[in-house]
Amino acid sequence: METINELDHVRMLHKGQTGVVVDICIGADGKTYYTVETDIEGYTDDPDAYNGEWPLYDCTADQLEKI
């Protein structure tokens, strides 16, 4: 698996959307989480998103594909 870094452009496989990794952190469960800001501007009805002008998603490496 290719290493994913901040500012990498990725596809969220479970959402079918693309975006940019804006943060990487280790969760309380010991897993690495990647915060992805979508390429689609505007609010979304997705309950998994942190809504804002550019929705954010927390993803694990297996949910991402570097593009």
C-alpha atoms as a PDB file:
ATOM      1  CA  MET A   1       0.000   0.000   0.000  1.00  0.00           C
ATOM      2  CA  GLU A   2       1.308   3.436  -0.916  1.00  0.00           C
ATOM      3  CA  THR A   3       1.996   5.842   1.966  1.00  0.00           C
ATOM      4  CA  ILE A   4      -0.567   8.634   2.325  1.00  0.00           C
ATOM      5  CA  ASN A   5       0.664  12.041   3.493  1.00  0.00           C
ATOM      6  CA  GLU A   6      -0.883  15.415   4.241  1.00  0.00           C
ATOM      7  CA  LEU A   7      -1.886  17.317   1.086  1.00  0.00           C
ATOM      8  CA  ASP A   8      -2.122  14.110  -0.987  1.00  0.00           C
ATOM      9  CA  HIS A   9      -5.070  13.935  -3.374  1.00  0.00           C
ATOM     10  CA  VAL A  10      -7.112  10.810  -2.603  1.00  0.00           C
ATOM     11  CA  ARG A  11     -10.318   8.997  -3.508  1.00  0.00           C
ATOM     12  CA  MET A  12     -12.533   7.883  -0.630  1.00  0.00           C
ATOM     13  CA  LEU A  13     -13.441   4.388  -1.794  1.00  0.00           C
ATOM     14  CA  HIS A  14     -16.443   4.095   0.540  1.00  0.00           C
ATOM     15  CA  LYS A  15     -17.891   7.443  -0.612  1.00  0.00           C
ATOM     16  CA  GLY A  16     -16.795   7.615  -4.254  1.00  0.00           C
ATOM     17  CA  GLN A  17     -15.559  11.183  -3.747  1.00  0.00           C
ATOM     18  CA  THR A  18     -12.153  12.767  -4.084  1.00  0.00           C
ATOM     19  CA  GLY A  19     -10.419  15.221  -1.803  1.00  0.00           C
ATOM     20  CA  VAL A  20      -7.208  16.312  -0.097  1.00  0.00           C
ATOM     21  CA  VAL A  21      -5.773  14.930   3.160  1.00  0.00           C
ATOM     22  CA  VAL A  22      -5.639  17.907   5.531  1.00  0.00           C
ATOM     23  CA  ASP A  23      -4.737  16.132   8.788  1.00  0.00           C
ATOM     24  CA  ILE A  24      -3.398  12.802  10.047  1.00  0.00           C
ATOM     25  CA  CYS A  25      -3.823  11.619  13.637  1.00  0.00           C
ATOM     26  CA  ILE A  26      -3.762   8.510  15.799  1.00  0.00           C
ATOM     27  CA  GLY A  27      -7.140   7.723  17.373  1.00  0.00           C
ATOM     28  CA  ALA A  28      -7.770   6.431  20.891  1.00  0.00           C
ATOM     29  CA  ASP A  29      -8.098   2.976  19.318  1.00  0.00           C
ATOM     30  CA  GLY A  30      -4.511   3.196  18.012  1.00  0.00           C
ATOM     31  CA  LYS A  31      -5.556   3.443  14.346  1.00  0.00           C
ATOM     32  CA  THR A  32      -4.303   6.160  12.013  1.00  0.00           C
ATOM     33  CA  TYR A  33      -7.065   8.468  10.764  1.00  0.00           C
ATOM     34  CA  TYR A  34      -6.870  10.802   7.790  1.00  0.00           C
ATOM     35  CA  THR A  35      -9.094  13.876   7.625  1.00  0.00           C
ATOM     36  CA  VAL A  36     -10.089  14.435   3.999  1.00  0.00           C
ATOM     37  CA  GLU A  37     -11.530  17.720   2.712  1.00  0.00           C
ATOM     38  CA  THR A  38     -13.715  16.962  -0.310  1.00  0.00           C
ATOM     39  CA  ASP A  39     -13.267  18.539  -3.718  1.00  0.00           C
ATOM     40  CA  ILE A  40     -16.992  19.335  -3.791  1.00  0.00           C
ATOM     41  CA  GLU A  41     -17.891  22.671  -2.224  1.00  0.00           C
ATOM     42  CA  GLY A  42     -21.115  22.912  -0.259  1.00  0.00           C
ATOM     43  CA  TYR A  43     -23.037  21.236   2.518  1.00  0.00           C
ATOM     44  CA  THR A  44     -23.966  17.561   2.260  1.00  0.00           C
ATOM     45  CA  ASP A  45     -26.696  15.410   3.811  1.00  0.00           C
ATOM     46  CA  ASP A  46     -24.136  12.714   4.680  1.00  0.00           C
ATOM     47  CA  PRO A  47     -24.184  12.029   8.464  1.00  0.00           C
ATOM     48  CA  ASP A  48     -20.507  10.913   8.278  1.00  0.00           C
ATOM     49  CA  ALA A  49     -19.371  14.387   7.163  1.00  0.00           C
ATOM     50  CA  TYR A  50     -18.299  17.321   9.269  1.00  0.00           C
ATOM     51  CA  ASN A  51     -20.283  19.903   7.357  1.00  0.00           C
ATOM     52  CA  GLY A  52     -18.874  23.213   6.320  1.00  0.00           C
ATOM     53  CA  GLU A  53     -18.063  25.048   3.124  1.00  0.00           C
ATOM     54  CA  TRP A  54     -15.869  22.045   2.212  1.00  0.00           C
ATOM     55  CA  PRO A  55     -17.114  18.855   3.984  1.00  0.00           C
ATOM     56  CA  LEU A  56     -14.575  16.819   5.980  1.00  0.00           C
ATOM     57  CA  TYR A  57     -14.423  13.052   6.473  1.00  0.00           C
ATOM     58  CA  ASP A  58     -12.340  10.950   8.856  1.00  0.00           C
ATOM     59  CA  CYS A  59     -11.034   7.888   7.016  1.00  0.00           C
ATOM     60  CA  THR A  60      -8.698   4.974   7.614  1.00  0.00           C
ATOM     61  CA  ALA A  61      -5.977   4.046   5.108  1.00  0.00           C
ATOM     62  CA  ASP A  62      -7.982   1.110   3.731  1.00  0.00           C
ATOM     63  CA  GLN A  63     -10.775   3.535   2.763  1.00  0.00           C
ATOM     64  CA  LEU A  64      -8.425   5.700   0.677  1.00  0.00           C
ATOM     65  CA  GLU A  65      -6.735   5.446  -2.706  1.00  0.00           C
ATOM     66  CA  LYS A  66      -3.985   7.914  -3.604  1.00  0.00           C
ATOM     67  CA  ILE A  67      -4.595   9.564  -6.990  1.00  0.00           C
END
